Amino acid sequence: MTGKPGAQFTTKGKPVRWAVEGVRDGVSIRVIVEPHGEGIITAYPK
């Protein structure tokens, strides 16, 4: 979502955020994570 692919930090020095999509108990979900920062930012059904 933010930063270049494979980057750990944006050009402004903030941790990048990734969008991860998956299925849990038959429900499609999307999770926004900041792996080198706050961890899970939000998650919601898709």
PDB file of N, CA and C in Angstrom:
ATOM      1  N   MET A   1       0.810  -1.183   0.000  1.00  0.00           N
ATOM      2  CA  MET A   1       0.000   0.000   0.000  1.00  0.00           C
ATOM      3  C   MET A   1       0.860   1.255   0.000  1.00  0.00           C
ATOM      4  N   THR A   2       1.875   1.296   0.866  1.00  0.00           N
ATOM      5  CA  THR A   2       2.764   2.454   0.864  1.00  0.00           C
ATOM      6  C   THR A   2       4.180   1.976   0.625  1.00  0.00           C
ATOM      7  N   GLY A   3       4.998   2.799   0.025  1.00  0.00           N
ATOM      8  CA  GLY A   3       6.387   2.424  -0.228  1.00  0.00           C
ATOM      9  C   GLY A   3       6.537   1.566  -1.469  1.00  0.00           C
ATOM     10  N   LYS A   4       7.777   1.380  -1.872  1.00  0.00           N
ATOM     11  CA  LYS A   4       8.084   0.558  -3.035  1.00  0.00           C
ATOM     12  C   LYS A   4       8.088  -0.912  -2.631  1.00  0.00           C
ATOM     13  N   PRO A   5       7.806  -1.832  -3.580  1.00  0.00           N
ATOM     14  CA  PRO A   5       7.836  -3.257  -3.252  1.00  0.00           C
ATOM     15  C   PRO A   5       9.181  -3.672  -2.656  1.00  0.00           C
ATOM     16  N   GLY A   6       9.140  -4.369  -1.537  1.00  0.00           N
ATOM     17  CA  GLY A   6      10.344  -4.841  -0.862  1.00  0.00           C
ATOM     18  C   GLY A   6      10.943  -3.852   0.119  1.00  0.00           C
ATOM     19  N   ALA A   7      10.432  -2.625   0.133  1.00  0.00           N
ATOM     20  CA  ALA A   7      10.964  -1.605   1.043  1.00  0.00           C
ATOM     21  C   ALA A   7      10.425  -1.823   2.455  1.00  0.00           C
ATOM     22  N   GLN A   8      11.189  -1.410   3.457  1.00  0.00           N
ATOM     23  CA  GLN A   8      10.744  -1.486   4.846  1.00  0.00           C
ATOM     24  C   GLN A   8      10.252  -0.137   5.349  1.00  0.00           C
ATOM     25  N   PHE A   9      10.716   0.939   4.703  1.00  0.00           N
ATOM     26  CA  PHE A   9      10.329   2.288   5.112  1.00  0.00           C
ATOM     27  C   PHE A   9      10.010   3.123   3.876  1.00  0.00           C
ATOM     28  N   THR A  10       9.117   4.103   4.021  1.00  0.00           N
ATOM     29  CA  THR A  10       8.800   5.015   2.929  1.00  0.00           C
ATOM     30  C   THR A  10       9.954   5.984   2.734  1.00  0.00           C
ATOM     31  N   THR A  11       9.874   6.808   1.698  1.00  0.00           N
ATOM     32  CA  THR A  11      10.929   7.794   1.457  1.00  0.00           C
ATOM     33  C   THR A  11      10.978   8.844   2.562  1.00  0.00           C
ATOM     34  N   LYS A  12       9.883   8.988   3.310  1.00  0.00           N
ATOM     35  CA  LYS A  12       9.854   9.930   4.438  1.00  0.00           C
ATOM     36  C   LYS A  12      10.288   9.278   5.747  1.00  0.00           C
ATOM     37  N   GLY A  13      10.679   7.992   5.699  1.00  0.00           N
ATOM     38  CA  GLY A  13      11.200   7.317   6.880  1.00  0.00           C
ATOM     39  C   GLY A  13      10.173   6.604   7.738  1.00  0.00           C
ATOM     40  N   LYS A  14       8.906   6.579   7.306  1.00  0.00           N
ATOM     41  CA  LYS A  14       7.870   5.884   8.077  1.00  0.00           C
ATOM     42  C   LYS A  14       7.802   4.421   7.635  1.00  0.00           C
ATOM     43  N   PRO A  15       7.407   3.503   8.531  1.00  0.00           N
ATOM     44  CA  PRO A  15       7.274   2.095   8.143  1.00  0.00           C
ATOM     45  C   PRO A  15       6.206   1.924   7.060  1.00  0.00           C
ATOM     46  N   VAL A  16       6.467   1.032   6.109  1.00  0.00           N
ATOM     47  CA  VAL A  16       5.482   0.768   5.058  1.00  0.00           C
ATOM     48  C   VAL A  16       4.299   0.004   5.637  1.00  0.00           C
ATOM     49  N   ARG A  17       3.184   0.048   4.940  1.00  0.00           N
ATOM     50  CA  ARG A  17       1.993  -0.720   5.320  1.00  0.00           C
ATOM     51  C   ARG A  17       1.654  -1.670   4.187  1.00  0.00           C
ATOM     52  N   TRP A  18       1.289  -2.892   4.557  1.00  0.00           N
ATOM     53  CA  TRP A  18       0.915  -3.912   3.591  1.00  0.00           C
ATOM     54  C   TRP A  18      -0.550  -4.258   3.762  1.00  0.00           C
ATOM     55  N   ALA A  19      -1.201  -4.609   2.658  1.00  0.00           N
ATOM     56  CA  ALA A  19      -2.558  -5.137   2.686  1.00  0.00           C
ATOM     57  C   ALA A  19      -2.451  -6.643   2.466  1.00  0.00           C
ATOM     58  N   VAL A  20      -3.047  -7.410   3.362  1.00  0.00           N
ATOM     59  CA  VAL A  20      -3.040  -8.869   3.271  1.00  0.00           C
ATOM     60  C   VAL A  20      -4.486  -9.323   3.190  1.00  0.00           C
ATOM     61  N   GLU A  21      -4.782 -10.175   2.208  1.00  0.00           N
ATOM     62  CA  GLU A  21      -6.141 -10.677   2.048  1.00  0.00           C
ATOM     63  C   GLU A  21      -6.152 -12.176   2.277  1.00  0.00           C
ATOM     64  N   GLY A  22      -7.224 -12.652   2.907  1.00  0.00           N
ATOM     65  CA  GLY A  22      -7.339 -14.071   3.185  1.00  0.00           C
ATOM     66  C   GLY A  22      -8.762 -14.445   3.527  1.00  0.00           C
ATOM     67  N   VAL A  23      -8.945 -15.699   3.918  1.00  0.00           N
ATOM     68  CA  VAL A  23     -10.265 -16.212   4.273  1.00  0.00           C
ATOM     69  C   VAL A  23     -10.179 -16.829   5.653  1.00  0.00           C
ATOM     70  N   ARG A  24     -11.115 -16.469   6.515  1.00  0.00           N
ATOM     71  CA  ARG A  24     -11.190 -17.018   7.873  1.00  0.00           C
ATOM     72  C   ARG A  24     -12.614 -17.477   8.111  1.00  0.00           C
ATOM     73  N   ASP A  25     -12.797 -18.770   8.382  1.00  0.00           N
ATOM     74  CA  ASP A  25     -14.124 -19.352   8.596  1.00  0.00           C
ATOM     75  C   ASP A  25     -15.077 -19.020   7.455  1.00  0.00           C
ATOM     76  N   GLY A  26     -14.572 -19.031   6.221  1.00  0.00           N
ATOM     77  CA  GLY A  26     -15.398 -18.784   5.047  1.00  0.00           C
ATOM     78  C   GLY A  26     -15.655 -17.318   4.736  1.00  0.00           C
ATOM     79  N   VAL A  27     -15.085 -16.407   5.506  1.00  0.00           N
ATOM     80  CA  VAL A  27     -15.289 -14.974   5.294  1.00  0.00           C
ATOM     81  C   VAL A  27     -14.001 -14.367   4.733  1.00  0.00           C
ATOM     82  N   SER A  28     -14.097 -13.714   3.582  1.00  0.00           N
ATOM     83  CA  SER A  28     -12.941 -13.019   3.014  1.00  0.00           C
ATOM     84  C   SER A  28     -12.656 -11.780   3.844  1.00  0.00           C
ATOM     85  N   ILE A  29     -11.388 -11.595   4.221  1.00  0.00           N
ATOM     86  CA  ILE A  29     -11.017 -10.435   5.030  1.00  0.00           C
ATOM     87  C   ILE A  29      -9.805  -9.744   4.424  1.00  0.00           C
ATOM     88  N   ARG A  30      -9.638  -8.490   4.787  1.00  0.00           N
ATOM     89  CA  ARG A  30      -8.466  -7.710   4.392  1.00  0.00           C
ATOM     90  C   ARG A  30      -7.868  -7.124   5.660  1.00  0.00           C
ATOM     91  N   VAL A  31      -6.559  -7.288   5.822  1.00  0.00           N
ATOM     92  CA  VAL A  31      -5.856  -6.805   7.010  1.00  0.00           C
ATOM     93  C   VAL A  31      -4.772  -5.837   6.547  1.00  0.00           C
ATOM     94  N   ILE A  32      -4.696  -4.680   7.190  1.00  0.00           N
ATOM     95  CA  ILE A  32      -3.646  -3.710   6.919  1.00  0.00           C
ATOM     96  C   ILE A  32      -2.631  -3.826   8.052  1.00  0.00           C
ATOM     97  N   VAL A  33      -1.385  -4.151   7.697  1.00  0.00           N
ATOM     98  CA  VAL A  33      -0.342  -4.347   8.710  1.00  0.00           C
ATOM     99  C   VAL A  33       0.830  -3.407   8.460  1.00  0.00           C
ATOM    100  N   GLU A  34       1.489  -3.053   9.537  1.00  0.00           N
ATOM    101  CA  GLU A  34       2.707  -2.251   9.496  1.00  0.00           C
ATOM    102  C   GLU A  34       3.780  -3.118  10.155  1.00  0.00           C
ATOM    103  N   PRO A  35       4.464  -3.980   9.372  1.00  0.00           N
ATOM    104  CA  PRO A  35       5.345  -4.988   9.952  1.00  0.00           C
ATOM    105  C   PRO A  35       6.514  -4.444  10.771  1.00  0.00           C
ATOM    106  N   HIS A  36       7.005  -3.267  10.473  1.00  0.00           N
ATOM    107  CA  HIS A  36       8.135  -2.711  11.221  1.00  0.00           C
ATOM    108  C   HIS A  36       7.696  -1.511  12.042  1.00  0.00           C
ATOM    109  N   GLY A  37       6.464  -1.560  12.504  1.00  0.00           N
ATOM    110  CA  GLY A  37       5.927  -0.432  13.270  1.00  0.00           C
ATOM    111  C   GLY A  37       4.894  -0.916  14.272  1.00  0.00           C
ATOM    112  N   GLU A  38       3.645  -0.524  14.064  1.00  0.00           N
ATOM    113  CA  GLU A  38       2.581  -0.793  15.022  1.00  0.00           C
ATOM    114  C   GLU A  38       1.962  -2.180  14.910  1.00  0.00           C
ATOM    115  N   GLY A  39       2.291  -2.953  13.901  1.00  0.00           N
ATOM    116  CA  GLY A  39       1.687  -4.272  13.728  1.00  0.00           C
ATOM    117  C   GLY A  39       0.394  -4.160  12.940  1.00  0.00           C
ATOM    118  N   ILE A  40      -0.669  -4.821  13.418  1.00  0.00           N
ATOM    119  CA  ILE A  40      -1.954  -4.781  12.723  1.00  0.00           C
ATOM    120  C   ILE A  40      -2.586  -3.410  12.924  1.00  0.00           C
ATOM    121  N   ILE A  41      -2.926  -2.756  11.819  1.00  0.00           N
ATOM    122  CA  ILE A  41      -3.559  -1.439  11.859  1.00  0.00           C
ATOM    123  C   ILE A  41      -5.075  -1.595  11.890  1.00  0.00           C
ATOM    124  N   THR A  42      -5.617  -2.403  10.975  1.00  0.00           N
ATOM    125  CA  THR A  42      -7.058  -2.636  10.915  1.00  0.00           C
ATOM    126  C   THR A  42      -7.323  -3.926  10.154  1.00  0.00           C
ATOM    127  N   ALA A  43      -8.508  -4.474  10.323  1.00  0.00           N
ATOM    128  CA  ALA A  43      -8.952  -5.650   9.578  1.00  0.00           C
ATOM    129  C   ALA A  43     -10.454  -5.534   9.390  1.00  0.00           C
ATOM    130  N   TYR A  44     -10.927  -5.969   8.230  1.00  0.00           N
ATOM    131  CA  TYR A  44     -12.360  -5.866   7.958  1.00  0.00           C
ATOM    132  C   TYR A  44     -12.754  -6.890   6.901  1.00  0.00           C
ATOM    133  N   PRO A  45     -14.049  -7.295   6.880  1.00  0.00           N
ATOM    134  CA  PRO A  45     -14.507  -8.222   5.847  1.00  0.00           C
ATOM    135  C   PRO A  45     -14.467  -7.540   4.489  1.00  0.00           C
ATOM    136  N   LYS A  46     -14.214  -8.327   3.499  1.00  0.00           N
ATOM    137  CA  LYS A  46     -14.089  -7.771   2.152  1.00  0.00           C
ATOM    138  C   LYS A  46     -15.363  -7.961   1.377  1.00  0.00           C
TER     139      LYS A  46
END
